[in-house]
Protein backbone atom coordinates (compact mmCIF):
# COMPACT_ATOMS: atom_id res chain seq x y z
CA MET A 1 -126.93 41.93 -15.57
CA ARG A 2 -124.90 45.16 -15.41
CA THR A 3 -122.89 47.20 -17.87
CA GLY A 4 -119.15 47.21 -17.48
CA GLY A 5 -119.44 50.82 -16.34
CA GLN A 6 -121.86 49.80 -13.56
CA VAL A 7 -119.59 46.92 -12.52
CA LEU A 8 -116.68 49.34 -12.31
CA VAL A 9 -118.55 51.92 -10.23
CA ASP A 10 -119.97 49.25 -7.92
CA ALA A 11 -116.43 47.97 -7.39
CA LEU A 12 -115.16 51.46 -6.57
CA CYS A 13 -117.88 51.74 -3.91
CA ILE A 14 -116.91 48.38 -2.42
CA HIS A 15 -113.26 49.48 -2.25
CA GLY A 16 -114.20 52.61 -0.31
CA VAL A 17 -113.70 55.23 -3.02
CA ASP A 18 -115.65 58.38 -2.12
CA THR A 19 -114.36 60.89 -4.71
CA VAL A 20 -113.26 60.75 -8.34
CA PHE A 21 -111.61 63.59 -10.26
CA CYS A 22 -112.14 63.78 -14.00
CA VAL A 23 -112.54 65.68 -17.22
CA PRO A 24 -115.56 64.05 -18.91
CA GLY A 25 -114.79 62.11 -22.09
CA GLU A 26 -116.77 60.14 -24.63
CA SER A 27 -114.55 57.10 -24.18
CA TYR A 28 -115.93 56.39 -20.71
CA LEU A 29 -119.54 57.58 -20.95
CA PRO A 30 -120.87 54.31 -19.42
CA VAL A 31 -118.87 55.08 -16.27
CA LEU A 32 -120.29 58.60 -16.05
CA ASP A 33 -123.76 57.15 -16.51
CA ALA A 34 -123.18 54.70 -13.66
CA LEU A 35 -121.84 57.49 -11.43
CA TYR A 36 -125.12 59.37 -12.01
CA ASP A 37 -126.85 56.67 -9.92
CA CYS A 38 -124.12 56.51 -7.26
CA PRO A 39 -124.56 59.13 -4.51
CA VAL A 40 -121.79 57.52 -2.47
CA ILE A 41 -119.11 58.74 -4.89
CA ARG A 42 -118.57 62.46 -5.39
CA THR A 43 -117.52 63.40 -8.93
CA ILE A 44 -115.35 66.50 -9.34
CA SER A 45 -115.27 67.60 -12.98
CA CYS A 46 -112.16 69.67 -13.70
CA ARG A 47 -111.06 71.97 -16.51
CA HIS A 48 -107.94 70.08 -17.58
CA GLU A 49 -106.68 66.54 -17.01
CA SER A 50 -103.45 67.76 -15.42
CA GLY A 51 -105.56 69.62 -12.86
CA ALA A 52 -107.66 66.50 -12.23
CA ALA A 53 -104.59 64.30 -11.81
CA ASN A 54 -102.93 66.81 -9.48
CA MET A 55 -106.09 66.98 -7.38
CA ALA A 56 -106.21 63.19 -7.17
CA GLU A 57 -102.52 63.06 -6.20
CA ALA A 58 -103.05 65.58 -3.40
CA TYR A 59 -106.16 63.70 -2.23
CA GLY A 60 -104.22 60.43 -2.10
CA LYS A 61 -101.31 62.05 -0.30
CA LEU A 62 -103.59 63.49 2.40
CA THR A 63 -105.67 60.35 2.95
CA GLY A 64 -103.06 57.65 2.32
CA LYS A 65 -105.69 55.83 0.26
CA PRO A 66 -105.77 55.30 -3.50
CA ALA A 67 -107.29 58.36 -5.16
CA VAL A 68 -109.07 57.99 -8.49
CA VAL A 69 -108.69 60.07 -11.64
CA LEU A 70 -110.80 59.36 -14.75
CA VAL A 71 -109.45 60.57 -18.08
CA THR A 72 -110.39 60.02 -21.67
CA ARG A 73 -108.27 58.26 -24.26
CA GLY A 74 -105.36 59.82 -26.14
CA PRO A 75 -105.09 63.55 -25.34
CA GLY A 76 -106.73 63.12 -21.93
CA ALA A 77 -104.20 60.49 -20.88
CA CYS A 78 -101.34 62.65 -22.20
CA HIS A 79 -102.51 65.68 -20.22
CA ALA A 80 -102.87 63.61 -17.04
CA SER A 81 -99.39 62.11 -17.24
CA VAL A 82 -97.83 65.04 -15.35
CA GLY A 83 -99.89 64.27 -12.24
CA VAL A 84 -99.17 60.56 -12.65
CA HIS A 85 -95.44 61.27 -12.63
CA ILE A 86 -95.85 63.29 -9.43
CA ALA A 87 -97.62 60.32 -7.84
CA GLN A 88 -94.79 58.03 -8.94
CA GLN A 89 -91.98 60.13 -7.48
CA ASP A 90 -93.95 61.04 -4.34
CA SER A 91 -95.03 57.41 -3.78
CA THR A 92 -98.69 58.43 -3.71
CA PRO A 93 -101.41 55.79 -4.23
CA MET A 94 -103.40 56.69 -7.35
CA LEU A 95 -105.74 54.73 -9.59
CA VAL A 96 -105.77 56.09 -13.15
CA LEU A 97 -108.78 54.94 -15.18
CA ILE A 98 -108.31 55.68 -18.88
CA GLY A 99 -110.87 55.39 -21.64
CA GLN A 100 -109.75 53.35 -24.64
CA VAL A 101 -110.91 52.71 -28.19
CA ASP A 102 -113.16 49.74 -29.00
CA ARG A 103 -111.52 46.33 -28.90
CA GLY A 104 -112.36 45.83 -32.55
CA THR A 105 -110.34 48.86 -33.68
CA ARG A 106 -107.19 48.28 -31.61
CA HIS A 107 -103.80 48.23 -33.35
CA ARG A 108 -105.04 50.30 -36.31
CA GLU A 109 -104.08 53.69 -34.87
CA ALA A 110 -107.74 54.37 -34.38
CA PHE A 111 -108.99 57.79 -33.31
CA GLN A 112 -107.06 58.79 -30.15
CA GLU A 113 -105.59 55.29 -29.75
CA ILE A 114 -102.50 54.84 -27.56
CA ASP A 115 -100.75 51.74 -26.23
CA TYR A 116 -101.00 52.57 -22.52
CA GLN A 117 -98.75 49.77 -21.37
CA ALA A 118 -95.96 51.33 -23.44
CA PHE A 119 -96.87 54.95 -22.62
CA TYR A 120 -97.73 54.69 -18.91
CA GLY A 121 -95.44 51.75 -18.11
CA PRO A 122 -92.48 53.91 -16.96
CA LEU A 123 -94.81 56.13 -14.88
CA CYS A 124 -96.80 53.45 -13.05
CA LYS A 125 -96.30 50.44 -10.84
CA TRP A 126 -98.59 48.46 -13.14
CA VAL A 127 -100.62 49.05 -16.30
CA ALA A 128 -103.27 46.75 -17.73
CA GLU A 129 -106.04 46.86 -20.31
CA VAL A 130 -109.38 45.22 -19.60
CA ASP A 131 -110.53 43.14 -22.57
CA ASP A 132 -113.47 41.39 -20.86
CA PRO A 133 -116.07 43.14 -18.66
CA ALA A 134 -116.31 40.00 -16.52
CA ARG A 135 -112.72 40.64 -15.38
CA LEU A 136 -113.35 44.19 -14.19
CA PRO A 137 -113.81 43.26 -10.48
CA GLU A 138 -110.69 41.08 -10.53
CA LEU A 139 -108.43 43.58 -12.29
CA LEU A 140 -109.64 46.54 -10.27
CA SER A 141 -108.94 44.62 -7.06
CA GLN A 142 -105.47 43.72 -8.32
CA ALA A 143 -104.84 47.35 -9.27
CA LEU A 144 -105.70 48.60 -5.78
CA TYR A 145 -103.58 45.96 -4.04
CA ARG A 146 -100.63 46.98 -6.22
CA CYS A 147 -101.38 50.67 -5.83
CA GLY A 148 -101.65 50.83 -2.05
CA ASN A 149 -99.16 48.23 -0.80
CA GLY A 150 -95.38 48.09 -0.66
CA ARG A 151 -94.13 51.40 -2.00
CA PRO A 152 -97.43 53.09 -2.94
CA GLY A 153 -97.75 54.60 -6.36
CA PRO A 154 -99.94 55.03 -9.44
CA VAL A 155 -101.47 52.17 -11.38
CA ALA A 156 -103.46 52.47 -14.60
CA LEU A 157 -106.33 50.54 -16.16
CA ALA A 158 -107.26 51.14 -19.78
CA LEU A 159 -110.99 50.64 -20.39
CA PRO A 160 -112.20 50.06 -23.96
CA VAL A 161 -115.53 51.82 -24.42
CA ASP A 162 -117.27 48.68 -25.68
CA VAL A 163 -116.11 46.80 -22.56
CA LEU A 164 -117.73 49.49 -20.44
CA GLY A 165 -120.99 49.34 -22.39
CA GLU A 166 -121.32 45.56 -22.59
CA GLN A 167 -123.77 43.75 -20.29
CA VAL A 168 -122.30 41.10 -18.02
CA ASP A 169 -123.31 38.91 -15.08
CA VAL A 170 -120.33 38.81 -12.71
CA ALA A 171 -119.80 38.67 -8.96
CA ASP A 172 -118.07 41.53 -7.14
CA CYS A 173 -114.77 41.21 -5.29
CA GLN A 174 -114.40 42.17 -1.64
CA ALA A 175 -112.59 45.34 -0.62
CA TRP A 176 -108.81 45.42 -0.95
CA GLN A 177 -106.69 45.29 2.20
CA ALA A 178 -103.60 47.23 3.20
CA VAL A 179 -100.72 44.84 3.88
CA GLU A 180 -97.75 46.06 5.92
CA SER A 181 -94.29 44.54 6.35
CA ALA A 182 -92.77 44.57 9.84
CA PRO A 183 -89.10 44.77 10.83
CA ALA A 184 -87.37 41.58 11.90
CA LYS A 185 -86.56 41.40 15.60
CA GLY A 186 -82.89 40.90 14.85
CA ALA A 187 -82.82 44.05 12.71
CA VAL A 188 -84.19 46.14 15.56
CA GLN A 189 -81.50 44.77 17.88
CA GLN A 190 -78.83 45.69 15.33
CA LEU A 191 -80.27 49.21 15.16
CA TRP A 192 -79.96 49.61 18.94
CA GLN A 193 -76.29 48.58 18.75
CA LEU A 194 -75.49 50.99 15.93
CA LEU A 195 -77.36 53.83 17.60
CA ASP A 196 -75.75 53.23 20.99
CA ALA A 197 -72.30 53.48 19.43
CA ALA A 198 -73.02 56.68 17.49
CA SER A 199 -72.05 60.10 18.81
CA ARG A 200 -73.25 62.17 15.81
CA PRO A 201 -76.41 60.45 14.53
CA LEU A 202 -79.17 61.98 12.44
CA MET A 203 -82.62 60.70 11.48
CA ILE A 204 -84.11 61.61 8.09
CA LEU A 205 -87.88 61.24 7.66
CA GLY A 206 -89.92 61.18 4.48
CA GLY A 207 -91.82 59.07 2.01
CA PRO A 208 -95.26 57.44 2.23
CA GLY A 209 -97.32 55.72 4.88
CA TRP A 210 -97.42 58.35 7.65
CA THR A 211 -100.24 59.12 10.07
CA PRO A 212 -100.44 61.40 13.14
CA ARG A 213 -100.09 58.32 15.36
CA ILE A 214 -96.95 57.21 13.55
CA CYS A 215 -95.50 60.72 13.85
CA ALA A 216 -96.14 60.63 17.60
CA ALA A 217 -94.33 57.29 17.93
CA ILE A 218 -91.31 58.63 16.03
CA GLN A 219 -91.24 61.75 18.19
CA GLN A 220 -91.23 59.59 21.31
CA PHE A 221 -88.36 57.52 19.90
CA ALA A 222 -86.34 60.62 18.93
CA GLU A 223 -86.75 62.08 22.43
CA ARG A 224 -85.57 58.93 24.17
CA ALA A 225 -82.66 58.49 21.76
CA CYS A 226 -81.71 62.21 21.78
CA LEU A 227 -81.71 62.07 18.00
CA PRO A 228 -81.77 65.18 15.76
CA VAL A 229 -84.44 64.89 13.09
CA LEU A 230 -84.28 66.10 9.49
CA ALA A 231 -87.00 66.08 6.84
CA SER A 232 -86.41 64.90 3.30
CA PHE A 233 -87.37 67.20 0.43
CA ARG A 234 -90.93 68.55 0.95
CA CYS A 235 -91.66 66.17 3.83
CA GLN A 236 -91.35 68.64 6.72
CA ASP A 237 -94.70 67.71 8.27
CA ARG A 238 -93.46 64.29 9.43
CA PHE A 239 -92.01 65.89 12.58
CA ASP A 240 -93.11 68.95 14.55
CA ASN A 241 -90.82 71.75 13.35
CA SER A 242 -91.21 73.56 16.68
CA HIS A 243 -89.80 70.56 18.59
CA GLU A 244 -86.34 70.96 20.13
CA LEU A 245 -84.99 68.01 18.10
CA TYR A 246 -86.09 69.23 14.68
CA ALA A 247 -83.03 70.36 12.72
CA GLY A 248 -84.30 71.31 9.25
CA GLU A 249 -85.17 70.15 5.74
CA LEU A 250 -82.84 68.57 3.25
CA GLY A 251 -83.65 70.07 -0.10
CA MET A 252 -83.11 73.22 -2.11
CA SER A 253 -83.56 75.38 1.00
CA ALA A 254 -81.02 73.47 3.14
CA SER A 255 -78.50 75.72 4.87
CA PRO A 256 -74.74 75.27 4.47
CA ALA A 257 -74.53 74.37 8.16
CA LEU A 258 -77.11 71.61 7.74
CA VAL A 259 -75.34 70.25 4.68
CA GLN A 260 -72.08 70.06 6.62
CA ARG A 261 -73.80 68.43 9.58
CA VAL A 262 -75.04 65.56 7.39
CA LYS A 263 -71.51 65.09 6.05
CA ASP A 264 -70.13 65.05 9.61
CA ALA A 265 -72.69 62.53 10.92
CA ASP A 266 -71.46 59.08 11.88
CA LEU A 267 -74.87 57.41 11.53
CA ILE A 268 -77.87 58.17 9.31
CA LEU A 269 -81.19 56.53 10.12
CA CYS A 270 -83.39 57.08 7.08
CA LEU A 271 -87.05 56.23 7.55
CA GLY A 272 -89.37 56.17 4.53
CA ALA A 273 -87.34 58.43 2.24
CA ARG A 274 -85.63 57.22 -0.94
CA LEU A 275 -82.71 59.61 -0.44
CA GLY A 276 -83.31 60.96 -3.91
CA GLU A 277 -81.38 63.62 -5.79
CA GLN A 278 -82.89 66.65 -4.02
CA THR A 279 -82.63 65.21 -0.50
CA SER A 280 -79.06 64.02 -1.07
CA ARG A 281 -77.99 67.27 -2.82
CA ASP A 282 -77.16 65.57 -6.12
CA TYR A 283 -75.97 62.47 -4.25
CA SER A 284 -73.20 64.44 -2.56
CA LEU A 285 -74.31 64.27 1.10
CA LEU A 286 -74.33 60.51 0.98
CA VAL A 287 -72.11 59.32 -1.84
CA PRO A 288 -73.20 56.16 -3.66
CA PRO A 289 -72.74 53.31 -3.65
CA LYS A 290 -71.30 53.20 -0.09
CA PRO A 291 -71.67 56.36 2.01
CA THR A 292 -68.94 57.29 4.48
CA GLN A 293 -71.62 57.57 7.18
CA LYS A 294 -73.10 54.38 8.54
CA LEU A 295 -76.55 54.04 6.98
CA VAL A 296 -79.68 52.36 8.30
CA HIS A 297 -82.31 52.49 5.56
CA VAL A 298 -85.91 51.62 6.37
CA TYR A 299 -88.29 51.39 3.42
CA PRO A 300 -91.58 49.58 2.68
CA SER A 301 -90.29 47.94 -0.52
CA CYS A 302 -87.28 45.69 -0.94
CA ASP A 303 -86.82 47.06 -4.46
CA GLU A 304 -85.49 50.36 -3.11
CA LEU A 305 -83.11 48.99 -0.47
CA GLY A 306 -79.61 48.81 -1.92
CA ARG A 307 -80.71 50.25 -5.26
CA VAL A 308 -78.66 53.45 -4.92
CA TYR A 309 -76.97 53.14 -1.54
CA GLN A 310 -75.55 50.06 0.16
CA PRO A 311 -76.84 50.37 3.74
CA ASP A 312 -75.07 48.96 6.77
CA LEU A 313 -78.51 47.81 7.87
CA ALA A 314 -81.46 47.44 5.47
CA ILE A 315 -84.91 47.04 7.00
CA CYS A 316 -87.91 46.29 4.79
CA ALA A 317 -90.82 47.59 6.82
CA SER A 318 -93.71 49.98 6.55
CA THR A 319 -93.24 53.32 8.25
CA GLY A 320 -95.89 52.51 10.83
CA GLN A 321 -94.70 49.02 11.75
CA PHE A 322 -91.15 50.29 12.16
CA ALA A 323 -92.24 53.32 14.20
CA PHE A 324 -94.23 51.22 16.66
CA ALA A 325 -91.40 48.67 16.95
CA ILE A 326 -88.86 51.32 18.04
CA ALA A 327 -91.06 53.81 19.92
CA ASP A 328 -89.86 52.50 23.30
CA PRO A 329 -86.11 51.83 22.89
CA PRO A 330 -83.91 50.31 25.59
CA ALA A 331 -81.65 52.55 27.64
CA LEU A 332 -79.25 54.13 25.16
CA THR A 333 -76.09 56.09 25.72
CA THR A 334 -77.19 59.63 24.85
CA ALA A 335 -74.98 61.94 26.90
CA GLN A 336 -72.33 62.17 24.19
CA ARG A 337 -74.80 63.56 21.65
CA THR A 338 -76.64 66.15 23.73
CA ASP A 339 -74.39 68.94 22.47
CA TRP A 340 -74.71 67.59 18.91
CA SER A 341 -78.51 67.74 19.08
CA ARG A 342 -78.53 71.19 20.67
CA ALA A 343 -76.18 72.60 18.04
CA ALA A 344 -78.29 71.15 15.24
CA ARG A 345 -81.37 72.85 16.65
CA LEU A 346 -79.61 76.19 17.05
CA ASP A 347 -78.45 76.04 13.43
CA TYR A 348 -82.07 75.52 12.36
CA LEU A 349 -83.40 78.37 14.51
CA SER A 350 -80.79 80.73 13.08
CA GLN A 351 -82.21 80.09 9.61
CA LEU A 352 -85.62 81.33 10.75
CA GLU A 353 -84.11 84.55 12.06
CA GLN A 354 -81.52 85.40 9.40
CA TRP A 355 -83.66 86.91 6.67
CA PRO A 356 -82.01 87.73 3.35
CA PRO A 357 -81.89 91.43 2.36
CA CYS A 358 -85.29 92.69 1.21
CA ARG A 359 -85.31 93.82 -2.41
CA GLY A 360 -88.41 95.82 -3.20
CA GLU A 361 -91.35 96.66 -0.96
CA LEU A 362 -92.57 93.08 -0.43
CA ASN A 363 -90.51 90.82 1.82
CA MET A 364 -91.46 87.16 1.41
CA ALA A 365 -89.67 86.19 4.63
CA GLU A 366 -92.04 88.47 6.55
CA VAL A 367 -95.04 87.12 4.63
CA ILE A 368 -94.18 83.55 5.62
CA ALA A 369 -93.41 84.64 9.18
CA HIS A 370 -96.95 86.07 9.35
CA LEU A 371 -98.40 82.75 8.16
CA ARG A 372 -96.28 80.93 10.73
CA ALA A 373 -97.55 83.18 13.51
CA THR A 374 -101.24 83.24 12.59
CA LEU A 375 -102.18 79.90 11.00
CA PRO A 376 -103.20 77.08 13.35
CA PRO A 377 -101.11 73.87 13.49
CA GLU A 378 -103.64 71.95 11.38
CA ALA A 379 -103.49 74.44 8.48
CA ILE A 380 -102.47 72.87 5.16
CA LEU A 381 -99.90 74.57 2.94
CA THR A 382 -99.55 73.54 -0.69
CA THR A 383 -96.67 74.69 -2.87
CA ASP A 384 -96.13 74.61 -6.59
CA ALA A 385 -92.65 74.05 -8.03
CA GLY A 386 -90.37 77.06 -8.22
CA ASN A 387 -87.92 79.19 -6.26
CA PHE A 388 -90.75 80.90 -4.37
CA ALA A 389 -91.45 77.59 -2.58
CA GLY A 390 -88.10 77.92 -0.85
CA TRP A 391 -89.48 80.76 1.26
CA ALA A 392 -92.09 78.46 2.77
CA GLN A 393 -89.68 75.56 3.12
CA ARG A 394 -87.20 77.75 5.00
CA PHE A 395 -89.41 80.05 7.08
CA TYR A 396 -92.67 78.18 7.73
CA GLN A 397 -92.97 75.65 10.56
CA PHE A 398 -95.07 72.57 9.92
CA ARG A 399 -96.33 71.23 13.23
CA ARG A 400 -98.71 68.39 12.34
CA PHE A 401 -99.22 65.70 9.74
CA PRO A 402 -100.57 65.98 7.08
CA THR A 403 -100.12 69.70 6.42
CA GLN A 404 -97.55 69.96 3.59
CA LEU A 405 -98.26 69.22 -0.05
CA GLY A 406 -95.63 69.77 -2.73
CA PRO A 407 -94.40 67.86 -5.80
CA THR A 408 -91.02 66.25 -5.18
CA ASN A 409 -90.63 65.76 -8.93
CA GLY A 410 -90.60 69.55 -9.41
CA ALA A 411 -93.66 69.71 -11.69
CA MET A 412 -95.17 73.16 -12.13
CA GLY A 413 -98.93 73.51 -11.93
CA TYR A 414 -99.43 71.58 -8.69
CA GLY A 415 -100.17 74.32 -6.15
CA VAL A 416 -103.67 75.45 -7.17
CA PRO A 417 -105.24 72.00 -7.83
CA ALA A 418 -103.64 70.61 -4.67
CA ALA A 419 -105.08 73.44 -2.58
CA ILE A 420 -108.54 72.83 -4.05
CA ALA A 421 -108.35 69.10 -3.28
CA ALA A 422 -107.08 69.77 0.24
CA ARG A 423 -109.92 72.17 1.00
CA LEU A 424 -112.46 69.78 -0.53
CA LEU A 425 -111.26 67.08 1.84
CA ASN A 426 -110.93 69.43 4.84
CA PRO A 427 -113.61 72.13 4.51
CA ARG A 428 -113.07 73.37 8.08
CA THR A 429 -109.28 73.49 7.92
CA PRO A 430 -107.42 76.56 6.62
CA VAL A 431 -105.75 75.76 3.28
CA VAL A 432 -103.22 78.08 1.68
CA GLY A 433 -101.88 77.37 -1.79
CA MET A 434 -98.67 78.96 -3.05
CA VAL A 435 -97.95 79.28 -6.76
CA GLY A 436 -95.66 81.31 -8.97
CA ASP A 437 -96.74 83.35 -11.97
CA GLY A 438 -95.43 80.60 -14.26
CA GLY A 439 -97.31 77.72 -12.66
CA ALA A 440 -100.45 79.81 -12.17
CA LEU A 441 -101.20 79.87 -15.89
CA MET A 442 -100.60 76.13 -16.24
CA THR A 443 -103.45 74.95 -14.01
CA GLY A 444 -104.93 78.16 -12.62
CA GLN A 445 -108.08 77.59 -14.64
CA GLU A 446 -109.07 75.14 -11.90
CA ILE A 447 -110.22 78.23 -9.99
CA ALA A 448 -113.34 77.72 -12.09
CA THR A 449 -113.67 74.22 -10.62
CA ALA A 450 -113.40 75.65 -7.11
CA ILE A 451 -116.09 78.23 -7.86
CA HIS A 452 -118.35 75.57 -9.39
CA TYR A 453 -118.19 73.32 -6.30
CA GLY A 454 -117.93 76.04 -3.66
CA ILE A 455 -114.38 75.14 -2.57
CA ASP A 456 -112.57 78.05 -0.94
CA PRO A 457 -108.81 77.83 -0.31
CA VAL A 458 -106.63 80.94 -0.27
CA ILE A 459 -104.10 81.16 -3.10
CA LEU A 460 -100.94 83.24 -2.77
CA LEU A 461 -99.66 83.96 -6.26
CA ILE A 462 -96.06 85.21 -6.18
CA ASN A 463 -95.45 87.26 -9.32
CA ASN A 464 -91.95 88.36 -10.38
CA ASN A 465 -92.60 88.17 -14.15
CA LEU A 466 -90.05 85.39 -14.53
CA TYR A 467 -89.59 81.69 -14.79
CA GLY A 468 -87.54 82.30 -11.65
CA THR A 469 -85.81 78.97 -11.12
CA ILE A 470 -84.56 78.85 -14.70
CA ARG A 471 -83.48 82.50 -14.55
CA MET A 472 -81.48 81.68 -11.43
CA HIS A 473 -79.69 78.86 -13.26
CA GLN A 474 -79.04 81.12 -16.26
CA GLU A 475 -77.53 83.84 -14.09
CA ARG A 476 -75.34 81.30 -12.33
CA ASP A 477 -74.19 79.28 -15.35
CA TYR A 478 -74.51 81.74 -18.27
CA PRO A 479 -74.20 85.24 -16.79
CA GLY A 480 -75.44 88.02 -19.07
CA ARG A 481 -77.00 85.56 -21.54
CA ILE A 482 -80.65 85.68 -20.51
CA HIS A 483 -83.09 84.05 -22.90
CA ALA A 484 -86.73 82.87 -22.78
CA THR A 485 -87.30 83.37 -19.05
CA ASP A 486 -89.09 86.76 -18.99
CA LEU A 487 -92.88 86.60 -18.70
CA THR A 488 -95.71 88.93 -19.65
CA ASN A 489 -98.56 88.38 -17.22
CA PRO A 490 -102.17 89.43 -16.81
CA GLU A 491 -103.39 91.40 -13.83
CA PHE A 492 -103.85 88.27 -11.75
CA ALA A 493 -106.20 89.79 -9.18
CA ILE A 494 -108.55 90.89 -11.97
CA TRP A 495 -108.11 87.51 -13.69
CA ALA A 496 -109.21 85.77 -10.47
CA LYS A 497 -112.24 88.04 -10.15
CA SER A 498 -113.32 87.11 -13.67
CA PHE A 499 -113.90 83.55 -12.39
CA GLY A 500 -115.97 84.86 -9.49
CA ALA A 501 -113.11 84.51 -6.99
CA TYR A 502 -111.94 87.10 -4.51
CA GLY A 503 -108.87 88.86 -5.91
CA GLU A 504 -106.52 91.47 -4.45
CA LEU A 505 -103.12 92.88 -5.36
CA VAL A 506 -100.50 93.21 -2.61
CA THR A 507 -97.30 95.15 -3.29
CA ARG A 508 -96.14 96.04 0.24
CA THR A 509 -95.29 93.80 3.18
CA ASP A 510 -97.30 95.94 5.60
CA ASP A 511 -100.45 95.41 3.53
CA PHE A 512 -100.29 91.62 3.58
CA PRO A 513 -101.79 90.79 7.02
CA GLN A 514 -105.03 92.67 6.36
CA ALA A 515 -105.28 91.39 2.79
CA PHE A 516 -104.76 87.83 3.99
CA GLN A 517 -107.49 88.21 6.58
CA ARG A 518 -109.88 89.52 3.93
CA ALA A 519 -109.04 86.57 1.71
CA ARG A 520 -109.69 84.07 4.51
CA GLU A 521 -113.09 85.66 5.19
CA ALA A 522 -114.14 85.93 1.52
CA GLY A 523 -116.38 82.84 1.59
CA ARG A 524 -115.06 81.66 -1.80
CA ILE A 525 -111.72 80.85 -3.32
CA ALA A 526 -109.46 83.87 -2.92
CA LEU A 527 -106.30 84.89 -4.74
CA LEU A 528 -103.75 87.38 -3.46
CA GLU A 529 -101.27 88.48 -6.10
CA LEU A 530 -97.98 89.27 -4.35
CA ARG A 531 -95.69 91.42 -6.50
CA LEU A 532 -92.12 90.40 -5.78
CA ASP A 533 -89.04 92.21 -7.03
CA ALA A 534 -87.12 90.01 -9.48
CA GLU A 535 -83.93 90.74 -7.51
CA ALA A 536 -85.31 88.56 -4.68
CA ILE A 537 -84.74 85.46 -6.80
CA SER A 538 -84.68 82.98 -3.91
CA ALA A 539 -84.74 82.67 -0.14
CA ARG A 540 -80.93 82.74 -0.04
CA THR A 541 -79.58 85.00 -2.78
CA THR A 542 -80.28 87.79 -5.27
CA LEU A 543 -79.86 88.11 -9.01
CA THR A 544 -77.03 90.58 -8.55
CA ALA A 545 -75.16 88.25 -6.19
CA LEU A 546 -75.55 85.39 -8.66
CA ARG A 547 -74.11 87.47 -11.49
CA GLU A 548 -71.20 88.69 -9.42
CA ASN A 549 -70.32 85.19 -8.20
CA ALA A 550 -70.54 83.79 -11.74
CA ARG A 551 -68.12 86.37 -13.12
CA ARG A 552 -65.44 85.85 -10.48
């Protein structure tokens, strides 16, 4: 006989879960009690459910396995929903375990009661509530199969507290299995024909299911096909950015030359990416429903193929199965696209060298160039949402997978928790988290979590005393009518020290290299506050230029 909480924890062990992120809550005390006797699973107790969910999302993104977040009923589930939405739009496998009120008080609006199927339904692949402890092994197994297969994503199980406390005699299920779809042989032959006929092809990489081995297979294919490679929004680590065929990222930092190149292409091979709003530049690079470019769309779920764009060739296959099927293509006609590939690469390299004018004493382009020159290829860079992330997306070079973590849904508050999770998982790998002054005060309290568990990433906090992205939009669309985007901030370096972290203020570009070295050697989580002039509103323009353009 075991309690429902013990059944649940035993099942997590069987399914290979090694870490859970949580904020402790009374609605799942039997689970916490069972975790007390489970040395196999590491419990990371956070300071806010959004921080816990963001950590779990980053953990799942790095490992490719379902990551677990435990949250209490009502307010806890509400706080965690931000991280769940990130997992949904980033196609990250995540198991959300939510405490629930007793079965006997359901449907009375009991204390902290929420209908999770209604609330979490739009955010998750599947939501269920366990009404019998004997079904815990079955439903947890089903949740993980749904979570990790096809297009990965979050699933949620609501757990009434009396279900977790009830004694039950039930057998365990075996571990879930990853199931991959493979491309049909005929589809691969069609791809060769389309590619052989193309003179201006491009390949766009993104989405879930990548590993270093898969990346190597795609690199081999790109070399033999002489195929320029682009990354979808915040997926730059799928292809070595220093490789001669890498041509840039499609997203907010995309150059005008890259945008035009996508429009001029005669074939787009999209592997793993959804071609969402950011990657497609508001659906303007490829116009739905039928793009002018020929489109081959490869995706692990049939539900996505044809949903926005009608492809000339749709292939339902996992990233890995497709990569291994095409790694050794037949002899293709490539001479006609050598110049095309070379020009695409030169356009990308020019973006690394053409720095925008420096406003103020701190130049973010030089800061990122220093990171690019000094961090090893395996270093992990996490970015929050905000204009400051564009500096890293434009000027940093990701050379291995997995080394880039950023929320494609644009949620603020991701950078600090993601850096903590990345360093927890990779304690010998340099981890640098980037966050703006806005996002820092949304989840920055997780510095306390890092101190508590001895986790030591380096955080670069870019402070311009603005909600910068929104200010940029205001200056562009409503010049001279600035409202609600100025910020009053603490002294962030002192704030970090109050947690026990290393903190230092950097106001000049020349001071950054030494400060960064001190932060890396601090032996605990370190925060460098980088004071950035508000004029340097993005990696491509200034506030003054925005105002002048808006008034023309």
